[in-house]
Amino acid sequence: MDGGQQLAIQYRTIGDLIPCARNARTHDAAQVALIAGSIREFGFTNPVLVDDANGIIARQGRVMAARQLGLSQVPVIELSLVIGPEQDAPYCDLRSRYDPKLPSYLCR
């Protein structure tokens, strides 16, 4: 990869993953059930993004669905993020690219 970190998929125990308290996206029971159905039918094809402390950056709904399915581990990609004001970058990216109605306080 040019100028960035190489991504590697690892497997981590679901109980070790820490949900993000500031997660702007919420998943009701029906959404989690749909995600679980997709995982059951097609497998876990979209790894969870985590930081170096096992904090979930993205795909929290997939972790909820994996729990519902009784999985003990999920595939993850660990991202090394900058500590400081830039640490909100994943949330800003999510807000700007996918849902401009997400709360602006996530992007300071």
Protein backbone atom coordinates (compact mmCIF):
# COMPACT_ATOMS: atom_id res chain seq x y z
CA MET A 1 0.00 0.00 0.00
CA ASP A 2 1.36 3.37 -0.94
CA GLY A 3 1.77 5.77 2.02
CA GLY A 4 -0.48 3.89 4.44
CA GLN A 5 -0.72 0.88 6.64
CA GLN A 6 -1.29 -2.56 5.22
CA LEU A 7 -4.61 -4.03 6.27
CA ALA A 8 -4.81 -7.49 7.75
CA ILE A 9 -7.87 -9.43 8.86
CA GLN A 10 -7.62 -10.96 12.32
CA TYR A 11 -10.19 -12.78 14.44
CA ARG A 12 -11.06 -11.41 17.87
CA THR A 13 -13.35 -12.65 20.62
CA ILE A 14 -16.63 -10.74 20.63
CA GLY A 15 -16.44 -10.21 24.39
CA ASP A 16 -13.14 -8.35 23.96
CA LEU A 17 -14.62 -5.75 21.58
CA ILE A 18 -15.71 -2.46 23.12
CA PRO A 19 -18.76 -0.72 21.63
CA CYS A 20 -18.38 2.98 20.88
CA ALA A 21 -20.47 5.07 23.27
CA ARG A 22 -20.66 7.83 20.65
CA ASN A 23 -21.86 5.56 17.87
CA ALA A 24 -24.06 7.74 15.69
CA ARG A 25 -25.71 4.78 14.02
CA THR A 26 -28.25 2.79 15.97
CA HIS A 27 -29.66 -0.62 15.10
CA ASP A 28 -33.07 -1.77 16.21
CA ALA A 29 -33.93 -5.45 16.66
CA ALA A 30 -35.26 -5.74 13.11
CA GLN A 31 -32.04 -4.38 11.60
CA VAL A 32 -29.89 -6.68 13.74
CA ALA A 33 -32.04 -9.63 12.64
CA LEU A 34 -31.53 -8.67 8.97
CA ILE A 35 -27.76 -8.40 9.47
CA ALA A 36 -27.77 -11.77 11.28
CA GLY A 37 -29.66 -13.32 8.35
CA SER A 38 -27.08 -11.96 5.93
CA ILE A 39 -24.21 -13.33 8.02
CA ARG A 40 -25.94 -16.71 8.29
CA GLU A 41 -26.54 -16.88 4.52
CA PHE A 42 -23.34 -15.36 3.14
CA GLY A 43 -20.86 -15.52 6.02
CA PHE A 44 -19.09 -12.65 7.72
CA THR A 45 -17.85 -10.86 4.60
CA ASN A 46 -17.44 -7.36 6.03
CA PRO A 47 -14.90 -7.19 8.90
CA VAL A 48 -15.42 -5.00 11.96
CA LEU A 49 -13.08 -2.00 12.16
CA VAL A 50 -11.40 -1.62 15.56
CA ASP A 51 -8.73 0.55 17.13
CA ASP A 52 -5.66 -0.78 18.93
CA ALA A 53 -7.63 -1.04 22.21
CA ASN A 54 -10.40 -3.19 20.62
CA GLY A 55 -12.77 -0.22 20.45
CA ILE A 56 -15.28 -0.64 17.64
CA ILE A 57 -14.90 2.08 15.03
CA ALA A 58 -17.40 0.70 12.52
CA ARG A 59 -19.76 -2.26 12.01
CA GLN A 60 -21.17 -2.35 15.53
CA GLY A 61 -24.43 -3.77 14.12
CA ARG A 62 -22.50 -6.74 12.75
CA VAL A 63 -21.08 -7.43 16.21
CA MET A 64 -24.62 -7.31 17.66
CA ALA A 65 -25.79 -9.75 14.97
CA ALA A 66 -22.83 -12.08 15.61
CA ARG A 67 -23.75 -12.18 19.30
CA GLN A 68 -27.33 -13.03 18.34
CA LEU A 69 -26.01 -15.90 16.20
CA GLY A 70 -23.88 -17.21 19.06
CA LEU A 71 -20.56 -16.58 17.30
CA SER A 72 -17.57 -16.35 19.62
CA GLN A 73 -15.23 -14.50 17.25
CA VAL A 74 -15.55 -12.05 14.38
CA PRO A 75 -13.13 -10.88 11.71
CA VAL A 76 -11.64 -7.46 12.41
CA ILE A 77 -9.29 -5.00 10.81
CA GLU A 78 -7.31 -2.97 13.31
CA LEU A 79 -6.73 0.63 12.31
CA SER A 80 -4.01 2.73 13.90
CA LEU A 81 -5.58 6.09 14.53
CA VAL A 82 -4.01 9.37 15.57
CA ILE A 83 -4.70 10.40 19.18
CA GLY A 84 -5.98 13.94 19.55
CA PRO A 85 -8.55 16.04 17.72
CA GLU A 86 -8.04 13.92 14.61
CA GLN A 87 -9.34 10.82 16.40
CA ASP A 88 -12.89 11.72 15.39
CA ALA A 89 -11.97 11.22 11.73
CA PRO A 90 -13.91 7.92 11.32
CA TYR A 91 -17.05 9.60 12.64
CA CYS A 92 -16.56 12.64 10.42
CA ASP A 93 -16.03 10.37 7.45
CA LEU A 94 -19.21 8.46 8.26
CA ARG A 95 -21.15 11.69 8.64
CA SER A 96 -19.92 13.40 5.52
CA ARG A 97 -20.13 10.45 3.15
CA TYR A 98 -23.19 8.53 4.24
CA ASP A 99 -25.57 10.55 6.35
CA PRO A 100 -25.31 14.34 6.49
CA LYS A 101 -28.10 14.35 9.10
CA LEU A 102 -25.90 12.70 11.75
CA PRO A 103 -25.21 14.98 14.74
CA SER A 104 -22.54 17.56 13.96
CA TYR A 105 -21.01 17.27 17.45
CA LEU A 106 -19.28 14.12 16.23
CA CYS A 107 -17.09 16.32 14.01
CA ARG A 108 -15.37 18.99 16.02
